[in-house]
Each structure stands twice: as C-alpha cells, then as structure tokens.
Amino acid sequence: MNFKKTLLATAFVAFGGFAINASAATAAGTFSVSLTITKTCVVNTTSASNITLGSTTSGGTSTSSSGAFTVNCSNKTPFTVGLSPSNVSSTTGAGTMKGTGTNNDTVTYQLYSNSALSTVWGNIAANLVSGTGGGMSSGKAVSETVYANATGSTDVAPDLYADNVAINVTY
C-alpha cells in the first residue's frame, strides 16, 4: 500500500502540482502593398506616312492627300490631338510650305480631320481631335488620319515645297 501512495504522490506532483502550459501566444499585424500608375501617352510617327500633295506644273492644281500616325495612351485616358504647322504661327491648321531650294516662294495648305476637307484640324479647342486611350501595347494604338490640301497659288518657282507639322497630344 505504501507503494500506491508513493506512486499517487509522484503523479500528483508530476501532473497536478505543476501546470504545464502547452499554448503559445501570437501577435498579429498588417502591411499594405501599393503601386501608383500614372497616365501617359506616346505618339508613334515611325509608321506614319508623310503627306505628299503630288506634283503639278507651275500654276496648276494640286490634289489633296492624307497621312497617318498612331497615339497610345494609358487605358481609359481621354486625350486630344492638335496639329501645328512649323513654318508659320497657326492654331487653325493653316500652314505654309517653303521652297527647299534658294527661292523665297511659299505655298499655303490646310490640315483637316476628314476626307471631305470640311473639318479643320489645328491646335485650339475648337479644332482638336479627341480620343480615349486603350492601353500602351501596339495593338491598342489609336490611328489618326490627317488630310491636307494646298490652298494657295502654285504659280511659284519650280521647287520642292515642304513644312513640318508638330503633333501635340494633351491628356
């Protein structure tokens, strides 16, 4: 019987006399991950076709023609496109081609956003072209076609007449 009392006392001391804590404490917290995407637009003129109004005799009639460029803007970003001829200060798309030789003659022209040549394309709110970006990949580029027509006299010295047009995208 003495043995049973000793065994019971040992069990009491081993398990009941000392509390064994088997659970661990934890602490929790959070952090965030963020990324700011800013809007952007890119004009692609590498595949643009320059506008060539053809060839005519001095005093003859020139034809209209068109060229194209693409605009990529961030997805769902609204944008406007303005065109500014370089040889004159014009906000209405009216430009002046200068002779590339030694003469000082000029031939005027007008830029349009439609093939009927009735909607002027310049660089003020009244004559901008607008669009909405579809994204920056090449497959989501917005193609813009611009039309030009010589409006001034071609009774000038025989030469190649040219001007550059700046493309201004506002977004």
N, C-alpha and C. Protein backbone atom coordinates (compact mmCIF):
# COMPACT_ATOMS: atom_id res chain seq x y z
N MET A 1 0.80 -1.17 0.00
CA MET A 1 0.00 0.00 0.00
C MET A 1 0.86 1.25 0.00
N ASN A 2 1.93 1.13 0.59
CA ASN A 2 2.87 2.21 0.63
C ASN A 2 3.32 2.59 -0.79
N PHE A 3 3.43 1.58 -1.60
CA PHE A 3 3.86 1.80 -2.97
C PHE A 3 2.81 2.61 -3.74
N LYS A 4 1.51 2.31 -3.52
CA LYS A 4 0.45 3.01 -4.19
C LYS A 4 0.42 4.48 -3.77
N LYS A 5 0.68 4.73 -2.50
CA LYS A 5 0.69 6.12 -2.02
C LYS A 5 1.86 6.87 -2.64
N THR A 6 2.96 6.24 -2.80
CA THR A 6 4.13 6.88 -3.37
C THR A 6 3.89 7.18 -4.84
N LEU A 7 3.31 6.23 -5.55
CA LEU A 7 3.03 6.41 -6.96
C LEU A 7 2.00 7.53 -7.15
N LEU A 8 0.96 7.58 -6.32
CA LEU A 8 -0.04 8.61 -6.40
C LEU A 8 0.55 9.98 -6.09
N ALA A 9 1.39 10.06 -5.13
CA ALA A 9 2.04 11.31 -4.77
C ALA A 9 2.95 11.78 -5.90
N THR A 10 3.64 10.85 -6.53
CA THR A 10 4.53 11.20 -7.64
C THR A 10 3.71 11.71 -8.82
N ALA A 11 2.58 11.07 -9.10
CA ALA A 11 1.72 11.50 -10.20
C ALA A 11 1.14 12.88 -9.91
N PHE A 12 0.73 13.11 -8.67
CA PHE A 12 0.18 14.39 -8.29
C PHE A 12 1.21 15.50 -8.48
N VAL A 13 2.42 15.23 -8.05
CA VAL A 13 3.49 16.23 -8.17
C VAL A 13 3.82 16.45 -9.64
N ALA A 14 3.89 15.39 -10.44
CA ALA A 14 4.31 15.49 -11.83
C ALA A 14 3.25 16.20 -12.67
N PHE A 15 1.98 15.89 -12.45
CA PHE A 15 0.96 16.44 -13.34
C PHE A 15 0.06 17.48 -12.69
N GLY A 16 -0.28 17.28 -11.46
CA GLY A 16 -1.23 18.18 -10.82
C GLY A 16 -0.57 19.29 -10.07
N GLY A 17 0.61 19.08 -9.57
CA GLY A 17 1.27 20.08 -8.75
C GLY A 17 1.86 21.20 -9.59
N PHE A 18 2.20 20.89 -10.79
CA PHE A 18 2.76 21.90 -11.69
C PHE A 18 1.89 22.00 -12.94
N ALA A 19 1.44 23.18 -13.30
CA ALA A 19 0.63 23.34 -14.50
C ALA A 19 1.56 23.48 -15.71
N ILE A 20 1.32 22.67 -16.69
CA ILE A 20 2.11 22.74 -17.93
C ILE A 20 1.28 23.50 -18.95
N ASN A 21 1.83 24.61 -19.44
CA ASN A 21 1.13 25.43 -20.42
C ASN A 21 1.58 25.02 -21.82
N ALA A 22 0.69 24.43 -22.60
CA ALA A 22 1.02 23.94 -23.94
C ALA A 22 0.67 24.95 -25.04
N SER A 23 -0.03 26.06 -24.77
CA SER A 23 -0.38 27.01 -25.83
C SER A 23 0.65 28.13 -25.89
N ALA A 24 0.92 28.61 -27.18
CA ALA A 24 1.87 29.70 -27.39
C ALA A 24 1.10 30.97 -27.71
N ALA A 25 1.62 32.11 -27.38
CA ALA A 25 0.98 33.39 -27.67
C ALA A 25 1.43 33.88 -29.05
N THR A 26 0.55 34.60 -29.76
CA THR A 26 0.91 35.18 -31.06
C THR A 26 0.54 36.65 -31.08
N ALA A 27 1.26 37.37 -31.89
CA ALA A 27 0.94 38.78 -32.13
C ALA A 27 0.69 38.92 -33.63
N ALA A 28 -0.23 39.80 -34.05
CA ALA A 28 -0.57 39.97 -35.46
C ALA A 28 -0.42 41.43 -35.86
N GLY A 29 -0.17 41.65 -37.14
CA GLY A 29 -0.09 42.99 -37.70
C GLY A 29 -0.39 42.91 -39.18
N THR A 30 -0.44 44.03 -39.83
CA THR A 30 -0.69 44.06 -41.27
C THR A 30 0.26 45.06 -41.93
N PHE A 31 0.43 44.92 -43.24
CA PHE A 31 1.12 45.92 -44.04
C PHE A 31 0.43 45.95 -45.39
N SER A 32 0.65 47.00 -46.14
CA SER A 32 -0.01 47.11 -47.44
C SER A 32 1.04 47.08 -48.55
N VAL A 33 0.59 46.70 -49.72
CA VAL A 33 1.38 46.74 -50.94
C VAL A 33 0.65 47.67 -51.89
N SER A 34 1.32 48.66 -52.44
CA SER A 34 0.63 49.59 -53.33
C SER A 34 1.52 49.95 -54.51
N LEU A 35 0.89 50.42 -55.56
CA LEU A 35 1.57 50.85 -56.78
C LEU A 35 0.74 51.96 -57.38
N THR A 36 1.36 53.07 -57.71
CA THR A 36 0.68 54.18 -58.36
C THR A 36 0.96 54.10 -59.86
N ILE A 37 -0.08 54.02 -60.65
CA ILE A 37 0.05 54.01 -62.10
C ILE A 37 -0.29 55.42 -62.58
N THR A 38 0.62 56.06 -63.28
CA THR A 38 0.36 57.39 -63.80
C THR A 38 -0.02 57.29 -65.27
N LYS A 39 -0.81 58.23 -65.72
CA LYS A 39 -1.24 58.22 -67.11
C LYS A 39 -0.10 58.68 -68.01
N THR A 40 -0.12 58.17 -69.23
CA THR A 40 0.91 58.54 -70.20
C THR A 40 0.36 58.39 -71.61
N CYS A 41 0.96 59.08 -72.53
CA CYS A 41 0.64 58.96 -73.95
C CYS A 41 1.93 59.00 -74.77
N VAL A 42 1.92 58.30 -75.88
CA VAL A 42 3.06 58.27 -76.79
C VAL A 42 2.54 58.43 -78.21
N VAL A 43 3.20 59.27 -79.00
CA VAL A 43 2.86 59.44 -80.41
C VAL A 43 3.86 58.62 -81.22
N ASN A 44 3.34 57.80 -82.12
CA ASN A 44 4.20 56.96 -82.96
C ASN A 44 4.16 57.49 -84.38
N THR A 45 5.27 58.07 -84.79
CA THR A 45 5.36 58.56 -86.17
C THR A 45 6.30 57.70 -86.99
N THR A 46 6.83 56.62 -86.43
CA THR A 46 7.73 55.78 -87.22
C THR A 46 6.99 55.08 -88.35
N SER A 47 5.72 54.79 -88.16
CA SER A 47 4.94 54.17 -89.23
C SER A 47 4.05 55.19 -89.93
N ALA A 48 4.24 56.45 -89.60
CA ALA A 48 3.41 57.49 -90.20
C ALA A 48 3.78 57.66 -91.67
N SER A 49 2.79 57.98 -92.44
CA SER A 49 3.07 58.31 -93.83
C SER A 49 3.06 59.82 -93.96
N ASN A 50 4.14 60.36 -94.49
CA ASN A 50 4.18 61.79 -94.75
C ASN A 50 3.14 62.12 -95.81
N ILE A 51 2.66 63.33 -95.79
CA ILE A 51 1.66 63.74 -96.78
C ILE A 51 2.38 64.33 -97.97
N THR A 52 2.16 63.74 -99.12
CA THR A 52 2.72 64.24 -100.37
C THR A 52 1.56 64.69 -101.24
N LEU A 53 1.54 65.97 -101.56
CA LEU A 53 0.45 66.52 -102.36
C LEU A 53 0.68 66.34 -103.86
N GLY A 54 1.62 65.52 -104.19
CA GLY A 54 1.86 65.20 -105.59
C GLY A 54 2.74 66.23 -106.28
N SER A 55 2.63 66.24 -107.58
CA SER A 55 3.43 67.13 -108.41
C SER A 55 2.48 67.82 -109.39
N THR A 56 2.72 69.08 -109.63
CA THR A 56 1.90 69.84 -110.57
C THR A 56 2.79 70.83 -111.30
N THR A 57 2.35 71.31 -112.43
CA THR A 57 3.09 72.35 -113.13
C THR A 57 2.87 73.68 -112.42
N SER A 58 3.75 74.62 -112.64
CA SER A 58 3.61 75.95 -112.05
C SER A 58 2.27 76.53 -112.47
N GLY A 59 1.46 76.92 -111.51
CA GLY A 59 0.13 77.46 -111.78
C GLY A 59 -0.94 76.38 -111.88
N GLY A 60 -0.55 75.11 -111.77
CA GLY A 60 -1.50 74.01 -111.88
C GLY A 60 -2.25 73.77 -110.57
N THR A 61 -3.09 72.75 -110.59
CA THR A 61 -3.90 72.41 -109.44
C THR A 61 -3.29 71.24 -108.69
N SER A 62 -3.15 71.38 -107.40
CA SER A 62 -2.63 70.29 -106.58
C SER A 62 -3.79 69.47 -106.05
N THR A 63 -3.50 68.25 -105.69
CA THR A 63 -4.54 67.38 -105.12
C THR A 63 -4.39 67.33 -103.61
N SER A 64 -5.41 66.84 -102.95
CA SER A 64 -5.31 66.63 -101.51
C SER A 64 -4.76 65.23 -101.29
N SER A 65 -4.27 64.99 -100.10
CA SER A 65 -3.72 63.68 -99.76
C SER A 65 -3.81 63.51 -98.25
N SER A 66 -3.44 62.33 -97.78
CA SER A 66 -3.53 62.06 -96.34
C SER A 66 -2.29 61.32 -95.85
N GLY A 67 -2.14 61.35 -94.55
CA GLY A 67 -1.08 60.62 -93.85
C GLY A 67 -1.66 60.14 -92.53
N ALA A 68 -0.91 59.32 -91.82
CA ALA A 68 -1.43 58.78 -90.57
C ALA A 68 -0.34 58.66 -89.52
N PHE A 69 -0.77 58.65 -88.27
CA PHE A 69 0.11 58.39 -87.13
C PHE A 69 -0.73 57.71 -86.08
N THR A 70 -0.09 57.15 -85.07
CA THR A 70 -0.85 56.49 -84.01
C THR A 70 -0.55 57.13 -82.66
N VAL A 71 -1.51 57.00 -81.76
CA VAL A 71 -1.38 57.50 -80.39
C VAL A 71 -1.70 56.35 -79.44
N ASN A 72 -0.79 56.11 -78.51
CA ASN A 72 -1.06 55.16 -77.42
C ASN A 72 -1.18 55.97 -76.14
N CYS A 73 -2.28 55.80 -75.45
CA CYS A 73 -2.46 56.41 -74.13
C CYS A 73 -2.87 55.33 -73.14
N SER A 74 -2.60 55.57 -71.89
CA SER A 74 -3.00 54.65 -70.83
C SER A 74 -4.47 54.29 -70.99
N ASN A 75 -4.81 53.09 -70.59
CA ASN A 75 -6.18 52.61 -70.71
C ASN A 75 -7.17 53.58 -70.07
N LYS A 76 -8.20 53.93 -70.80
CA LYS A 76 -9.29 54.81 -70.37
C LYS A 76 -8.87 56.26 -70.13
N THR A 77 -7.70 56.67 -70.67
CA THR A 77 -7.24 58.05 -70.52
C THR A 77 -7.73 58.88 -71.70
N PRO A 78 -8.56 59.90 -71.45
CA PRO A 78 -9.01 60.76 -72.54
C PRO A 78 -7.86 61.65 -73.02
N PHE A 79 -7.82 61.92 -74.33
CA PHE A 79 -6.77 62.77 -74.87
C PHE A 79 -7.31 63.59 -76.03
N THR A 80 -6.60 64.67 -76.35
CA THR A 80 -6.88 65.45 -77.55
C THR A 80 -5.60 65.57 -78.35
N VAL A 81 -5.75 65.68 -79.66
CA VAL A 81 -4.61 65.82 -80.56
C VAL A 81 -4.75 67.13 -81.32
N GLY A 82 -3.70 67.94 -81.24
CA GLY A 82 -3.64 69.18 -82.00
C GLY A 82 -2.49 69.11 -82.99
N LEU A 83 -2.63 69.82 -84.10
CA LEU A 83 -1.58 69.87 -85.12
C LEU A 83 -1.13 71.31 -85.32
N SER A 84 0.19 71.51 -85.36
CA SER A 84 0.76 72.86 -85.50
C SER A 84 1.77 72.88 -86.64
N PRO A 85 1.44 73.54 -87.76
CA PRO A 85 2.44 73.70 -88.82
C PRO A 85 3.64 74.49 -88.30
N SER A 86 4.81 74.18 -88.80
CA SER A 86 6.05 74.76 -88.26
C SER A 86 6.46 76.09 -88.88
N ASN A 87 6.21 76.30 -90.16
CA ASN A 87 6.73 77.49 -90.83
C ASN A 87 5.98 78.77 -90.52
N VAL A 88 4.79 78.68 -89.93
CA VAL A 88 4.01 79.86 -89.54
C VAL A 88 3.39 79.61 -88.18
N SER A 89 3.02 80.67 -87.51
CA SER A 89 2.32 80.53 -86.24
C SER A 89 0.83 80.42 -86.53
N SER A 90 0.31 79.18 -86.46
CA SER A 90 -1.10 78.96 -86.78
C SER A 90 -1.69 77.99 -85.78
N THR A 91 -2.86 78.32 -85.26
CA THR A 91 -3.58 77.42 -84.37
C THR A 91 -4.74 76.74 -85.09
N THR A 92 -4.95 77.09 -86.36
CA THR A 92 -6.09 76.56 -87.11
C THR A 92 -5.68 75.55 -88.17
N GLY A 93 -4.46 75.07 -88.14
CA GLY A 93 -4.02 74.07 -89.11
C GLY A 93 -3.66 74.62 -90.47
N ALA A 94 -3.62 75.95 -90.60
CA ALA A 94 -3.21 76.56 -91.86
C ALA A 94 -1.69 76.69 -91.85
N GLY A 95 -1.06 76.09 -92.85
CA GLY A 95 0.40 76.10 -92.89
C GLY A 95 0.94 76.70 -94.17
N THR A 96 2.25 76.86 -94.17
CA THR A 96 2.95 77.40 -95.33
C THR A 96 4.13 76.50 -95.66
N MET A 97 4.14 75.97 -96.88
CA MET A 97 5.29 75.20 -97.35
C MET A 97 6.26 76.17 -97.99
N LYS A 98 7.52 76.05 -97.61
CA LYS A 98 8.56 76.89 -98.18
C LYS A 98 9.37 76.07 -99.18
N GLY A 99 9.90 76.79 -100.16
CA GLY A 99 10.77 76.14 -101.13
C GLY A 99 12.01 75.60 -100.43
N THR A 100 12.45 74.43 -100.85
CA THR A 100 13.64 73.84 -100.23
C THR A 100 14.91 74.27 -100.94
N GLY A 101 14.77 74.94 -102.07
CA GLY A 101 15.92 75.46 -102.81
C GLY A 101 16.26 76.86 -102.32
N THR A 102 16.75 77.69 -103.22
CA THR A 102 17.19 79.03 -102.84
C THR A 102 16.10 80.09 -102.97
N ASN A 103 14.91 79.72 -103.46
CA ASN A 103 13.87 80.74 -103.65
C ASN A 103 13.14 81.01 -102.34
N ASN A 104 12.44 82.13 -102.28
CA ASN A 104 11.68 82.52 -101.09
C ASN A 104 10.18 82.34 -101.27
N ASP A 105 9.75 81.67 -102.31
CA ASP A 105 8.33 81.47 -102.55
C ASP A 105 7.73 80.51 -101.52
N THR A 106 6.42 80.61 -101.36
CA THR A 106 5.71 79.73 -100.43
C THR A 106 4.39 79.27 -101.06
N VAL A 107 3.89 78.15 -100.57
CA VAL A 107 2.58 77.64 -100.96
C VAL A 107 1.84 77.30 -99.67
N THR A 108 0.64 77.85 -99.52
CA THR A 108 -0.13 77.59 -98.29
C THR A 108 -0.90 76.28 -98.41
N TYR A 109 -1.22 75.73 -97.26
CA TYR A 109 -2.01 74.49 -97.21
C TYR A 109 -2.86 74.50 -95.95
N GLN A 110 -3.83 73.58 -95.90
CA GLN A 110 -4.73 73.46 -94.75
C GLN A 110 -4.78 72.00 -94.34
N LEU A 111 -4.80 71.77 -93.00
CA LEU A 111 -4.93 70.42 -92.45
C LEU A 111 -6.38 70.17 -92.06
N TYR A 112 -6.85 68.93 -92.28
CA TYR A 112 -8.23 68.56 -91.99
C TYR A 112 -8.26 67.20 -91.28
N SER A 113 -9.37 66.95 -90.58
CA SER A 113 -9.54 65.66 -89.91
C SER A 113 -10.51 64.74 -90.66
N ASN A 114 -11.01 65.18 -91.80
CA ASN A 114 -11.91 64.32 -92.57
C ASN A 114 -11.57 64.40 -94.06
N SER A 115 -11.95 63.34 -94.77
CA SER A 115 -11.61 63.27 -96.20
C SER A 115 -12.41 64.24 -97.05
N ALA A 116 -13.52 64.75 -96.54
CA ALA A 116 -14.31 65.76 -97.27
C ALA A 116 -13.65 67.13 -97.21
N LEU A 117 -12.58 67.25 -96.43
CA LEU A 117 -11.83 68.50 -96.26
C LEU A 117 -12.73 69.62 -95.75
N SER A 118 -13.60 69.29 -94.81
CA SER A 118 -14.52 70.28 -94.26
C SER A 118 -14.31 70.55 -92.77
N THR A 119 -13.55 69.69 -92.08
CA THR A 119 -13.30 69.89 -90.65
C THR A 119 -11.82 70.20 -90.44
N VAL A 120 -11.56 71.47 -90.14
CA VAL A 120 -10.18 71.93 -89.95
C VAL A 120 -9.58 71.26 -88.72
N TRP A 121 -8.29 70.90 -88.81
CA TRP A 121 -7.58 70.29 -87.68
C TRP A 121 -6.41 71.18 -87.32
N GLY A 122 -6.52 71.84 -86.18
CA GLY A 122 -5.47 72.75 -85.73
C GLY A 122 -5.06 72.42 -84.31
N ASN A 123 -4.79 73.48 -83.54
CA ASN A 123 -4.26 73.26 -82.19
C ASN A 123 -4.96 74.12 -81.15
N ILE A 124 -6.24 74.37 -81.33
CA ILE A 124 -7.06 75.04 -80.32
C ILE A 124 -8.30 74.18 -80.09
N ALA A 125 -8.99 74.41 -78.99
CA ALA A 125 -10.11 73.57 -78.58
C ALA A 125 -11.15 73.38 -79.67
N ALA A 126 -11.39 74.41 -80.47
CA ALA A 126 -12.43 74.33 -81.49
C ALA A 126 -12.10 73.35 -82.61
N ASN A 127 -10.82 73.02 -82.79
CA ASN A 127 -10.48 72.14 -83.91
C ASN A 127 -9.45 71.07 -83.54
N LEU A 128 -9.64 70.48 -82.37
CA LEU A 128 -8.82 69.34 -81.94
C LEU A 128 -9.55 68.05 -82.27
N VAL A 129 -8.82 66.96 -82.31
CA VAL A 129 -9.42 65.63 -82.44
C VAL A 129 -9.24 64.95 -81.09
N SER A 130 -10.29 64.30 -80.60
CA SER A 130 -10.21 63.68 -79.28
C SER A 130 -10.35 62.16 -79.38
N GLY A 131 -9.88 61.49 -78.33
CA GLY A 131 -9.97 60.04 -78.27
C GLY A 131 -9.81 59.57 -76.84
N THR A 132 -9.85 58.26 -76.67
CA THR A 132 -9.65 57.64 -75.36
C THR A 132 -8.65 56.51 -75.52
N GLY A 133 -7.63 56.52 -74.68
CA GLY A 133 -6.59 55.51 -74.76
C GLY A 133 -7.10 54.12 -74.45
N GLY A 134 -6.54 53.15 -75.16
CA GLY A 134 -6.89 51.75 -74.94
C GLY A 134 -5.80 50.97 -74.24
N GLY A 135 -4.66 51.61 -74.02
CA GLY A 135 -3.52 50.93 -73.40
C GLY A 135 -2.25 51.21 -74.18
N MET A 136 -1.15 50.73 -73.66
CA MET A 136 0.15 51.08 -74.23
C MET A 136 0.71 50.05 -75.21
N SER A 137 0.09 48.89 -75.35
CA SER A 137 0.62 47.91 -76.31
C SER A 137 0.30 48.35 -77.73
N SER A 138 1.11 47.90 -78.68
CA SER A 138 0.95 48.36 -80.06
C SER A 138 -0.41 48.00 -80.64
N GLY A 139 -1.00 46.92 -80.20
CA GLY A 139 -2.31 46.53 -80.70
C GLY A 139 -3.43 47.42 -80.20
N LYS A 140 -3.16 48.29 -79.26
CA LYS A 140 -4.18 49.18 -78.70
C LYS A 140 -3.99 50.63 -79.12
N ALA A 141 -3.12 50.86 -80.09
CA ALA A 141 -2.87 52.21 -80.59
C ALA A 141 -4.10 52.75 -81.31
N VAL A 142 -4.34 54.04 -81.16
CA VAL A 142 -5.43 54.72 -81.85
C VAL A 142 -4.83 55.37 -83.10
N SER A 143 -5.33 55.00 -84.25
CA SER A 143 -4.82 55.54 -85.51
C SER A 143 -5.54 56.84 -85.85
N GLU A 144 -4.77 57.84 -86.21
CA GLU A 144 -5.33 59.14 -86.59
C GLU A 144 -4.90 59.44 -88.03
N THR A 145 -5.85 59.80 -88.87
CA THR A 145 -5.55 60.16 -90.25
C THR A 145 -5.72 61.66 -90.40
N VAL A 146 -4.74 62.28 -91.03
CA VAL A 146 -4.79 63.72 -91.28
C VAL A 146 -4.77 63.95 -92.79
N TYR A 147 -5.57 64.90 -93.22
CA TYR A 147 -5.69 65.23 -94.64
C TYR A 147 -5.14 66.63 -94.87
N ALA A 148 -4.56 66.86 -96.04
CA ALA A 148 -4.01 68.18 -96.36
C ALA A 148 -4.39 68.54 -97.80
N ASN A 149 -4.51 69.84 -98.01
CA ASN A 149 -4.84 70.36 -99.34
C ASN A 149 -4.10 71.67 -99.53
N ALA A 150 -3.44 71.83 -100.67
CA ALA A 150 -2.80 73.11 -100.99
C ALA A 150 -3.90 74.13 -101.25
N THR A 151 -3.82 75.26 -100.57
CA THR A 151 -4.87 76.27 -100.69
C THR A 151 -4.39 77.52 -101.41
N GLY A 152 -3.09 77.67 -101.55
CA GLY A 152 -2.55 78.88 -102.18
C GLY A 152 -2.16 78.64 -103.63
N SER A 153 -1.71 79.68 -104.24
CA SER A 153 -1.30 79.63 -105.63
C SER A 153 -0.08 78.73 -105.79
N THR A 154 -0.08 77.98 -106.87
CA THR A 154 1.11 77.18 -107.21
C THR A 154 1.90 77.87 -108.32
N ASP A 155 1.57 79.12 -108.60
CA ASP A 155 2.30 79.89 -109.62
C ASP A 155 3.56 80.47 -108.98
N VAL A 156 4.45 79.57 -108.63
CA VAL A 156 5.69 79.91 -107.92
C VAL A 156 6.87 79.25 -108.64
N ALA A 157 8.07 79.56 -108.20
CA ALA A 157 9.27 78.97 -108.82
C ALA A 157 9.24 77.45 -108.67
N PRO A 158 9.61 76.72 -109.71
CA PRO A 158 9.68 75.27 -109.60
C PRO A 158 10.65 74.85 -108.49
N ASP A 159 10.19 74.02 -107.58
CA ASP A 159 11.00 73.60 -106.43
C ASP A 159 10.19 72.56 -105.66
N LEU A 160 10.79 71.96 -104.68
CA LEU A 160 10.07 71.12 -103.72
C LEU A 160 9.70 72.02 -102.55
N TYR A 161 8.43 72.08 -102.20
CA TYR A 161 7.95 72.90 -101.10
C TYR A 161 7.55 71.98 -99.96
N ALA A 162 7.94 72.34 -98.72
CA ALA A 162 7.70 71.45 -97.59
C ALA A 162 7.55 72.22 -96.29
N ASP A 163 6.95 71.57 -95.34
CA ASP A 163 6.79 72.07 -93.98
C ASP A 163 6.73 70.86 -93.06
N ASN A 164 7.05 71.04 -91.81
CA ASN A 164 6.88 70.00 -90.79
C ASN A 164 5.69 70.38 -89.92
N VAL A 165 4.99 69.38 -89.43
CA VAL A 165 3.82 69.61 -88.58
C VAL A 165 4.08 68.92 -87.23
N ALA A 166 3.93 69.70 -86.15
CA ALA A 166 4.08 69.14 -84.80
C ALA A 166 2.75 68.52 -84.36
N ILE A 167 2.84 67.34 -83.75
CA ILE A 167 1.68 66.65 -83.20
C ILE A 167 1.69 66.88 -81.69
N ASN A 168 0.64 67.49 -81.16
CA ASN A 168 0.56 67.80 -79.74
C ASN A 168 -0.58 67.01 -79.10
N VAL A 169 -0.23 66.06 -78.22
CA VAL A 169 -1.22 65.25 -77.53
C VAL A 169 -1.34 65.75 -76.10
N THR A 170 -2.54 66.11 -75.70
CA THR A 170 -2.80 66.57 -74.34
C THR A 170 -3.67 65.53 -73.65
N TYR A 171 -3.27 65.13 -72.43
CA TYR A 171 -4.01 64.10 -71.69
C TYR A 171 -4.02 64.40 -70.21
